[in-house]
């Protein structure tokens, strides 16, 4: 039996909001996966490898990039990702 997992939200909320997990995709094949580069050094290198693995599993990959890692993604970028993707992976390579 697995232990319950505690997910930490790195935002500065005083009282973290309870958030449920999004449902898993039935399959990667045929899914549209967004990869969000937050503009930190070498994040693009990591995401390139992730993209290769996803494509090998039959996913269509869409790439996105934040203008800077120091701020949240602009609203229009978040809306585009939400409207075009079945799932998104956000990554950095620190």
N, C-alpha and C. Protein backbone atom coordinates (compact mmCIF):
# COMPACT_ATOMS: atom_id res chain seq x y z
N UNK A 1 0.85 -1.17 0.00
CA UNK A 1 0.00 0.00 0.00
C UNK A 1 0.90 1.24 0.00
N UNK A 2 0.58 2.21 -0.82
CA UNK A 2 1.41 3.40 -0.93
C UNK A 2 1.01 4.44 0.11
N UNK A 3 1.99 5.21 0.51
CA UNK A 3 1.76 6.30 1.47
C UNK A 3 1.13 7.48 0.74
N UNK A 4 0.30 8.27 1.42
CA UNK A 4 -0.23 9.48 0.78
C UNK A 4 0.91 10.45 0.50
N UNK A 5 0.81 11.16 -0.61
CA UNK A 5 1.85 12.12 -0.99
C UNK A 5 1.42 13.52 -0.61
N UNK A 6 2.38 14.30 -0.16
CA UNK A 6 2.14 15.70 0.15
C UNK A 6 2.80 16.52 -0.93
N UNK A 7 2.02 17.31 -1.65
CA UNK A 7 2.54 18.17 -2.69
C UNK A 7 2.67 19.58 -2.14
N UNK A 8 3.83 20.18 -2.32
CA UNK A 8 4.06 21.53 -1.84
C UNK A 8 3.93 22.51 -3.00
N UNK A 9 3.24 23.60 -2.74
CA UNK A 9 3.04 24.64 -3.72
C UNK A 9 4.03 25.76 -3.40
N UNK A 10 4.94 26.10 -4.32
CA UNK A 10 5.98 27.08 -4.00
C UNK A 10 5.51 28.54 -4.02
N UNK A 11 4.24 28.78 -4.23
CA UNK A 11 3.76 30.16 -4.22
C UNK A 11 3.69 30.68 -2.79
N UNK A 12 3.58 31.97 -2.63
CA UNK A 12 3.62 32.60 -1.32
C UNK A 12 2.27 32.69 -0.64
N UNK A 13 1.46 31.67 -0.72
CA UNK A 13 0.14 31.71 -0.07
C UNK A 13 0.31 31.53 1.44
N UNK A 14 -0.43 32.30 2.21
CA UNK A 14 -0.39 32.14 3.67
C UNK A 14 -1.14 30.88 4.10
N UNK A 15 -2.22 30.59 3.42
CA UNK A 15 -3.00 29.38 3.69
C UNK A 15 -3.16 28.67 2.35
N UNK A 16 -2.37 27.62 2.10
CA UNK A 16 -2.43 26.94 0.80
C UNK A 16 -3.83 26.43 0.48
N UNK A 17 -4.23 26.63 -0.74
CA UNK A 17 -5.54 26.15 -1.21
C UNK A 17 -5.44 24.65 -1.47
N UNK A 18 -6.49 23.94 -1.13
CA UNK A 18 -6.53 22.51 -1.42
C UNK A 18 -6.83 22.33 -2.90
N UNK A 19 -6.00 21.58 -3.57
CA UNK A 19 -6.18 21.35 -5.00
C UNK A 19 -6.15 19.85 -5.27
N UNK A 20 -7.12 19.39 -5.99
CA UNK A 20 -7.13 17.98 -6.37
C UNK A 20 -6.21 17.74 -7.56
N UNK A 21 -5.82 16.53 -7.74
CA UNK A 21 -5.00 16.18 -8.90
C UNK A 21 -5.85 16.18 -10.15
N UNK A 22 -5.27 16.59 -11.24
CA UNK A 22 -5.96 16.50 -12.53
C UNK A 22 -6.01 15.02 -12.93
N UNK A 23 -7.05 14.62 -13.62
CA UNK A 23 -7.11 13.21 -14.04
C UNK A 23 -5.99 12.88 -15.02
N UNK A 24 -5.48 11.67 -14.94
CA UNK A 24 -4.44 11.23 -15.86
C UNK A 24 -5.01 11.06 -17.25
N UNK A 25 -4.17 11.26 -18.24
CA UNK A 25 -4.57 10.98 -19.62
C UNK A 25 -4.70 9.48 -19.79
N UNK A 26 -5.64 9.05 -20.59
CA UNK A 26 -5.79 7.62 -20.84
C UNK A 26 -4.57 7.06 -21.55
N UNK A 27 -3.96 7.88 -22.41
CA UNK A 27 -2.79 7.45 -23.17
C UNK A 27 -2.04 8.68 -23.66
N UNK A 28 -0.74 8.55 -23.82
CA UNK A 28 0.03 9.63 -24.43
C UNK A 28 -0.19 9.66 -25.93
N UNK A 29 -0.43 8.50 -26.53
CA UNK A 29 -0.65 8.42 -27.97
C UNK A 29 -1.84 9.27 -28.36
N UNK A 30 -1.61 10.21 -29.27
CA UNK A 30 -2.66 11.09 -29.73
C UNK A 30 -2.94 12.28 -28.84
N UNK A 31 -2.28 12.37 -27.70
CA UNK A 31 -2.47 13.50 -26.79
C UNK A 31 -1.59 14.66 -27.21
N UNK A 32 -2.04 15.86 -26.90
CA UNK A 32 -1.28 17.07 -27.19
C UNK A 32 -0.69 17.56 -25.86
N UNK A 33 0.64 17.48 -25.76
CA UNK A 33 1.34 17.81 -24.53
C UNK A 33 2.12 19.11 -24.71
N UNK A 34 1.90 20.07 -23.83
CA UNK A 34 2.63 21.32 -23.86
C UNK A 34 3.85 21.24 -22.97
N UNK A 35 4.97 21.71 -23.45
CA UNK A 35 6.19 21.80 -22.66
C UNK A 35 6.49 23.27 -22.44
N UNK A 36 6.50 23.69 -21.19
CA UNK A 36 6.71 25.09 -20.86
C UNK A 36 8.11 25.28 -20.31
N UNK A 37 8.93 26.00 -21.06
CA UNK A 37 10.28 26.37 -20.64
C UNK A 37 10.16 27.66 -19.85
N UNK A 38 10.63 27.67 -18.61
CA UNK A 38 10.47 28.87 -17.78
C UNK A 38 11.62 29.86 -17.98
N UNK A 39 12.49 29.61 -18.93
CA UNK A 39 13.58 30.52 -19.31
C UNK A 39 14.77 30.49 -18.37
N UNK A 40 14.97 29.38 -17.69
CA UNK A 40 16.19 29.23 -16.90
C UNK A 40 17.20 28.48 -17.74
N UNK A 41 18.46 28.68 -17.42
CA UNK A 41 19.54 28.06 -18.19
C UNK A 41 19.39 26.55 -18.29
N UNK A 42 19.53 26.04 -19.47
CA UNK A 42 19.53 24.62 -19.81
C UNK A 42 18.19 23.91 -19.64
N UNK A 43 17.15 24.64 -19.30
CA UNK A 43 15.83 24.02 -19.23
C UNK A 43 15.41 23.49 -20.59
N UNK A 44 15.81 24.20 -21.65
CA UNK A 44 15.48 23.76 -23.00
C UNK A 44 16.14 22.43 -23.34
N UNK A 45 17.32 22.19 -22.80
CA UNK A 45 18.02 20.92 -23.04
C UNK A 45 17.24 19.77 -22.41
N UNK A 46 16.81 19.97 -21.18
CA UNK A 46 16.02 18.95 -20.50
C UNK A 46 14.71 18.70 -21.24
N UNK A 47 14.02 19.78 -21.62
CA UNK A 47 12.74 19.62 -22.30
C UNK A 47 12.88 18.97 -23.67
N UNK A 48 14.01 19.15 -24.32
CA UNK A 48 14.25 18.47 -25.60
C UNK A 48 14.23 16.96 -25.41
N UNK A 49 14.86 16.49 -24.33
CA UNK A 49 14.86 15.04 -24.04
C UNK A 49 13.45 14.56 -23.70
N UNK A 50 12.73 15.36 -22.92
CA UNK A 50 11.35 15.01 -22.59
C UNK A 50 10.52 14.92 -23.86
N UNK A 51 10.69 15.89 -24.76
CA UNK A 51 9.96 15.88 -26.02
C UNK A 51 10.25 14.61 -26.82
N UNK A 52 11.50 14.23 -26.91
CA UNK A 52 11.86 13.01 -27.65
C UNK A 52 11.13 11.79 -27.10
N UNK A 53 11.06 11.69 -25.78
CA UNK A 53 10.38 10.54 -25.15
C UNK A 53 8.87 10.59 -25.41
N UNK A 54 8.29 11.77 -25.32
CA UNK A 54 6.85 11.89 -25.55
C UNK A 54 6.48 11.56 -27.00
N UNK A 55 7.26 12.06 -27.94
CA UNK A 55 7.01 11.78 -29.35
C UNK A 55 7.14 10.28 -29.62
N UNK A 56 8.10 9.64 -28.99
CA UNK A 56 8.26 8.20 -29.15
C UNK A 56 7.04 7.43 -28.64
N UNK A 57 6.32 8.03 -27.69
CA UNK A 57 5.10 7.41 -27.16
C UNK A 57 3.85 7.80 -27.96
N UNK A 58 4.03 8.60 -29.01
CA UNK A 58 2.92 8.96 -29.88
C UNK A 58 2.23 10.27 -29.56
N UNK A 59 2.81 11.07 -28.68
CA UNK A 59 2.21 12.36 -28.33
C UNK A 59 2.61 13.43 -29.33
N UNK A 60 1.76 14.42 -29.49
CA UNK A 60 2.10 15.63 -30.22
C UNK A 60 2.59 16.62 -29.18
N UNK A 61 3.73 17.25 -29.42
CA UNK A 61 4.32 18.15 -28.44
C UNK A 61 4.29 19.59 -28.96
N UNK A 62 3.82 20.49 -28.11
CA UNK A 62 3.83 21.92 -28.40
C UNK A 62 4.77 22.58 -27.40
N UNK A 63 5.67 23.43 -27.88
CA UNK A 63 6.64 24.09 -27.01
C UNK A 63 6.21 25.53 -26.72
N UNK A 64 6.39 25.93 -25.47
CA UNK A 64 6.09 27.29 -25.03
C UNK A 64 7.24 27.77 -24.17
N UNK A 65 7.39 29.09 -24.07
CA UNK A 65 8.48 29.66 -23.27
C UNK A 65 8.00 30.93 -22.58
N UNK A 66 8.27 31.00 -21.27
CA UNK A 66 7.98 32.23 -20.52
C UNK A 66 9.01 33.28 -20.90
N UNK A 67 8.62 34.55 -20.88
CA UNK A 67 9.59 35.61 -21.18
C UNK A 67 10.73 35.68 -20.16
N UNK A 68 10.43 35.38 -18.90
CA UNK A 68 11.45 35.41 -17.85
C UNK A 68 11.03 34.46 -16.73
N UNK A 69 12.02 33.88 -16.07
CA UNK A 69 11.70 32.96 -14.98
C UNK A 69 11.32 33.70 -13.70
N UNK A 70 11.53 34.99 -13.64
CA UNK A 70 11.29 35.74 -12.41
C UNK A 70 9.83 36.12 -12.19
N UNK A 71 8.98 35.89 -13.18
CA UNK A 71 7.56 36.23 -13.06
C UNK A 71 6.70 35.06 -13.52
N UNK A 72 5.45 35.09 -13.09
CA UNK A 72 4.51 34.07 -13.56
C UNK A 72 4.31 34.22 -15.06
N UNK A 73 3.89 33.16 -15.70
CA UNK A 73 3.61 33.21 -17.13
C UNK A 73 2.49 34.20 -17.40
N UNK A 74 2.60 34.99 -18.47
CA UNK A 74 1.54 35.94 -18.82
C UNK A 74 0.20 35.23 -19.03
N UNK A 75 -0.87 35.93 -18.75
CA UNK A 75 -2.21 35.36 -18.87
C UNK A 75 -2.46 34.81 -20.27
N UNK A 76 -2.07 35.55 -21.30
CA UNK A 76 -2.34 35.08 -22.67
C UNK A 76 -1.59 33.78 -22.96
N UNK A 77 -0.39 33.61 -22.42
CA UNK A 77 0.36 32.37 -22.60
C UNK A 77 -0.33 31.23 -21.87
N UNK A 78 -0.76 31.47 -20.65
CA UNK A 78 -1.47 30.43 -19.90
C UNK A 78 -2.76 30.02 -20.59
N UNK A 79 -3.48 31.00 -21.14
CA UNK A 79 -4.73 30.69 -21.84
C UNK A 79 -4.46 29.88 -23.11
N UNK A 80 -3.40 30.23 -23.83
CA UNK A 80 -3.06 29.48 -25.04
C UNK A 80 -2.72 28.03 -24.70
N UNK A 81 -1.92 27.85 -23.67
CA UNK A 81 -1.56 26.49 -23.25
C UNK A 81 -2.81 25.71 -22.86
N UNK A 82 -3.67 26.33 -22.06
CA UNK A 82 -4.88 25.65 -21.59
C UNK A 82 -5.81 25.28 -22.74
N UNK A 83 -5.89 26.13 -23.76
CA UNK A 83 -6.81 25.87 -24.86
C UNK A 83 -6.25 24.88 -25.89
N UNK A 84 -4.94 24.74 -25.97
CA UNK A 84 -4.34 23.91 -27.01
C UNK A 84 -3.82 22.56 -26.52
N UNK A 85 -3.68 22.38 -25.21
CA UNK A 85 -3.00 21.18 -24.71
C UNK A 85 -3.90 20.32 -23.83
N UNK A 86 -3.66 19.02 -23.90
CA UNK A 86 -4.35 18.08 -23.02
C UNK A 86 -3.65 18.00 -21.66
N UNK A 87 -2.35 18.27 -21.65
CA UNK A 87 -1.55 18.26 -20.42
C UNK A 87 -0.35 19.15 -20.66
N UNK A 88 0.29 19.58 -19.57
CA UNK A 88 1.47 20.45 -19.70
C UNK A 88 2.54 19.99 -18.69
N UNK A 89 3.79 20.11 -19.13
CA UNK A 89 4.92 19.84 -18.26
C UNK A 89 5.71 21.14 -18.19
N UNK A 90 5.93 21.61 -16.98
CA UNK A 90 6.72 22.82 -16.76
C UNK A 90 8.00 22.37 -16.08
N UNK A 91 9.13 22.83 -16.59
CA UNK A 91 10.38 22.30 -16.05
C UNK A 91 11.48 23.35 -16.03
N UNK A 92 12.42 23.12 -15.12
CA UNK A 92 13.63 23.90 -15.08
C UNK A 92 14.78 22.94 -14.83
N UNK A 93 15.97 23.40 -15.05
CA UNK A 93 17.12 22.49 -14.94
C UNK A 93 18.19 23.05 -14.01
N UNK A 94 17.80 23.55 -12.87
CA UNK A 94 18.77 24.05 -11.90
C UNK A 94 19.55 22.92 -11.28
